[in-house]
C-alpha atoms as a PDB file:
ATOM      1  CA  MET A   1      69.246 113.612 103.103  1.00  0.00           C
ATOM      2  CA  GLY A   2      71.207 113.333  99.879  1.00  0.00           C
ATOM      3  CA  VAL A   3      73.744 110.756  98.808  1.00  0.00           C
ATOM      4  CA  VAL A   4      77.047 111.269  97.012  1.00  0.00           C
ATOM      5  CA  ARG A   5      78.246 108.550  94.642  1.00  0.00           C
ATOM      6  CA  ILE A   6      81.965 107.927  94.299  1.00  0.00           C
ATOM      7  CA  THR A   7      83.400 105.910  91.432  1.00  0.00           C
ATOM      8  CA  LEU A   8      86.526 103.839  91.948  1.00  0.00           C
ATOM      9  CA  GLU A   9      88.462 102.494  89.007  1.00  0.00           C
ATOM     10  CA  LEU A  10      90.425  99.248  89.437  1.00  0.00           C
ATOM     11  CA  PRO A  11      92.422  97.294  86.913  1.00  0.00           C
ATOM     12  CA  GLU A  12      90.241  94.414  85.722  1.00  0.00           C
ATOM     13  CA  ASP A  13      92.679  91.716  86.840  1.00  0.00           C
ATOM     14  CA  ILE A  14      92.840  93.075  90.386  1.00  0.00           C
ATOM     15  CA  ALA A  15      89.067  93.493  90.592  1.00  0.00           C
ATOM     16  CA  ALA A  16      88.588  89.941  89.282  1.00  0.00           C
ATOM     17  CA  HIS A  17      91.102  88.571  91.796  1.00  0.00           C
ATOM     18  CA  LEU A  18      89.397  90.305  94.724  1.00  0.00           C
ATOM     19  CA  ALA A  19      85.922  89.313  93.536  1.00  0.00           C
ATOM     20  CA  ALA A  20      87.086  85.697  93.152  1.00  0.00           C
ATOM     21  CA  GLN A  21      88.043  85.776  96.842  1.00  0.00           C
ATOM     22  CA  GLY A  22      84.375  86.430  97.630  1.00  0.00           C
ATOM     23  CA  GLU A  23      85.005  90.112  98.281  1.00  0.00           C
ATOM     24  CA  ASN A  24      82.076  92.499  97.855  1.00  0.00           C
ATOM     25  CA  LEU A  25      84.169  95.237  96.273  1.00  0.00           C
ATOM     26  CA  SER A  26      81.740  98.076  96.937  1.00  0.00           C
ATOM     27  CA  ARG A  27      81.383  97.157 100.612  1.00  0.00           C
ATOM     28  CA  ALA A  28      85.126  96.572 101.031  1.00  0.00           C
ATOM     29  CA  ALA A  29      85.879 100.006  99.554  1.00  0.00           C
ATOM     30  CA  LEU A  30      83.293 101.670 101.784  1.00  0.00           C
ATOM     31  CA  GLU A  31      84.609  99.933 104.904  1.00  0.00           C
ATOM     32  CA  GLY A  32      88.217 100.774 104.070  1.00  0.00           C
ATOM     33  CA  PHE A  33      87.300 104.416 103.477  1.00  0.00           C
ATOM     34  CA  ALA A  34      85.308 104.517 106.725  1.00  0.00           C
ATOM     35  CA  LEU A  35      88.104 102.912 108.777  1.00  0.00           C
ATOM     36  CA  GLU A  36      90.727 105.336 107.520  1.00  0.00           C
ATOM     37  CA  ALA A  37      88.457 108.344 108.091  1.00  0.00           C
ATOM     38  CA  TYR A  38      87.766 107.142 111.646  1.00  0.00           C
ATOM     39  CA  ARG A  39      91.465 106.499 112.343  1.00  0.00           C
ATOM     40  CA  ALA A  40      92.240 110.041 111.149  1.00  0.00           C
ATOM     41  CA  GLN A  41      89.479 111.309 113.475  1.00  0.00           C
ATOM     42  CA  LYS A  42      87.517 112.702 110.533  1.00  0.00           C
ATOM     43  CA  LEU A  43      84.435 110.665 111.511  1.00  0.00           C
ATOM     44  CA  THR A  44      82.782 110.092 114.868  1.00  0.00           C
ATOM     45  CA  THR A  45      81.434 106.696 115.880  1.00  0.00           C
ATOM     46  CA  ALA A  46      77.924 108.023 115.223  1.00  0.00           C
ATOM     47  CA  GLN A  47      78.900 109.057 111.695  1.00  0.00           C
ATOM     48  CA  LEU A  48      80.643 105.721 111.178  1.00  0.00           C
ATOM     49  CA  ARG A  49      77.460 103.915 112.269  1.00  0.00           C
ATOM     50  CA  ARG A  50      75.366 105.865 109.750  1.00  0.00           C
ATOM     51  CA  LEU A  51      77.878 105.453 106.944  1.00  0.00           C
ATOM     52  CA  LEU A  52      78.074 101.687 107.378  1.00  0.00           C
ATOM     53  CA  GLY A  53      74.332 101.276 107.947  1.00  0.00           C
ATOM     54  CA  TYR A  54      74.597  99.812 111.441  1.00  0.00           C
ATOM     55  CA  ASP A  55      71.707 100.049 113.889  1.00  0.00           C
ATOM     56  CA  THR A  56      73.715 100.162 117.119  1.00  0.00           C
ATOM     57  CA  ARG A  57      76.964 101.442 118.583  1.00  0.00           C
ATOM     58  CA  THR A  58      77.737  97.867 119.584  1.00  0.00           C
ATOM     59  CA  GLN A  59      77.903  96.899 115.907  1.00  0.00           C
ATOM     60  CA  VAL A  60      80.317  99.769 115.277  1.00  0.00           C
ATOM     61  CA  HIS A  61      82.476  98.729 118.230  1.00  0.00           C
ATOM     62  CA  ALA A  62      82.572  95.142 116.955  1.00  0.00           C
ATOM     63  CA  PHE A  63      83.496  96.356 113.447  1.00  0.00           C
ATOM     64  CA  LEU A  64      86.349  98.460 114.824  1.00  0.00           C
ATOM     65  CA  LYS A  65      87.581  95.634 117.038  1.00  0.00           C
ATOM     66  CA  GLU A  66      87.493  93.203 114.110  1.00  0.00           C
ATOM     67  CA  HIS A  67      89.774  95.570 112.190  1.00  0.00           C
ATOM     68  CA  GLY A  68      92.108  96.322 115.103  1.00  0.00           C
ATOM     69  CA  VAL A  69      91.017  99.936 115.469  1.00  0.00           C
ATOM     70  CA  TYR A  70      90.611 101.413 118.937  1.00  0.00           C
ATOM     71  CA  LEU A  71      87.728 103.637 119.970  1.00  0.00           C
ATOM     72  CA  HIS A  72      88.452 107.342 120.341  1.00  0.00           C
ATOM     73  CA  TYR A  73      87.861 107.865 124.048  1.00  0.00           C
ATOM     74  CA  THR A  74      88.535 111.309 125.427  1.00  0.00           C
ATOM     75  CA  GLN A  75      88.845 112.650 128.951  1.00  0.00           C
ATOM     76  CA  ASP A  76      85.363 114.161 128.455  1.00  0.00           C
ATOM     77  CA  ASP A  77      84.012 110.701 127.565  1.00  0.00           C
ATOM     78  CA  LEU A  78      85.549 109.302 130.749  1.00  0.00           C
ATOM     79  CA  GLU A  79      84.024 112.060 132.852  1.00  0.00           C
ATOM     80  CA  HIS A  80      80.605 111.539 131.257  1.00  0.00           C
ATOM     81  CA  ASP A  81      80.776 107.786 131.913  1.00  0.00           C
ATOM     82  CA  ARG A  82      81.931 108.376 135.494  1.00  0.00           C
ATOM     83  CA  GLN A  83      79.001 110.724 136.161  1.00  0.00           C
ATOM     84  CA  ALA A  84      76.546 108.293 134.564  1.00  0.00           C
ATOM     85  CA  GLY A  85      77.922 105.513 136.760  1.00  0.00           C
ATOM     86  CA  ASP A  86      77.632 107.663 139.875  1.00  0.00           C
ATOM     87  CA  ALA A  87      74.009 108.542 139.024  1.00  0.00           C
ATOM     88  CA  PHE A  88      73.221 104.871 138.423  1.00  0.00           C
ATOM     89  CA  ARG A  89      74.588 103.836 141.823  1.00  0.00           C
ATOM     90  CA  GLN A  90      72.440 106.433 143.619  1.00  0.00           C
END
């Protein structure tokens, strides 16, 4: 699977200010991009997990919660969870 590199140009003073705050600029840019793409429903949670390098959905859920972003949960998701719960009880 290939990788696409994206270059982001920042004014030096802003980059220095953010870096001085202990910010990993590359990671912060990636996370910001990922959050906005997820909010716009351009990425699924599975794609978000891969993009951010997380091993589990739980890590993705914690990341979203930390940033005040709600999970996309459809009626189909609810039905799937309901059926899984019914099968578990039997």
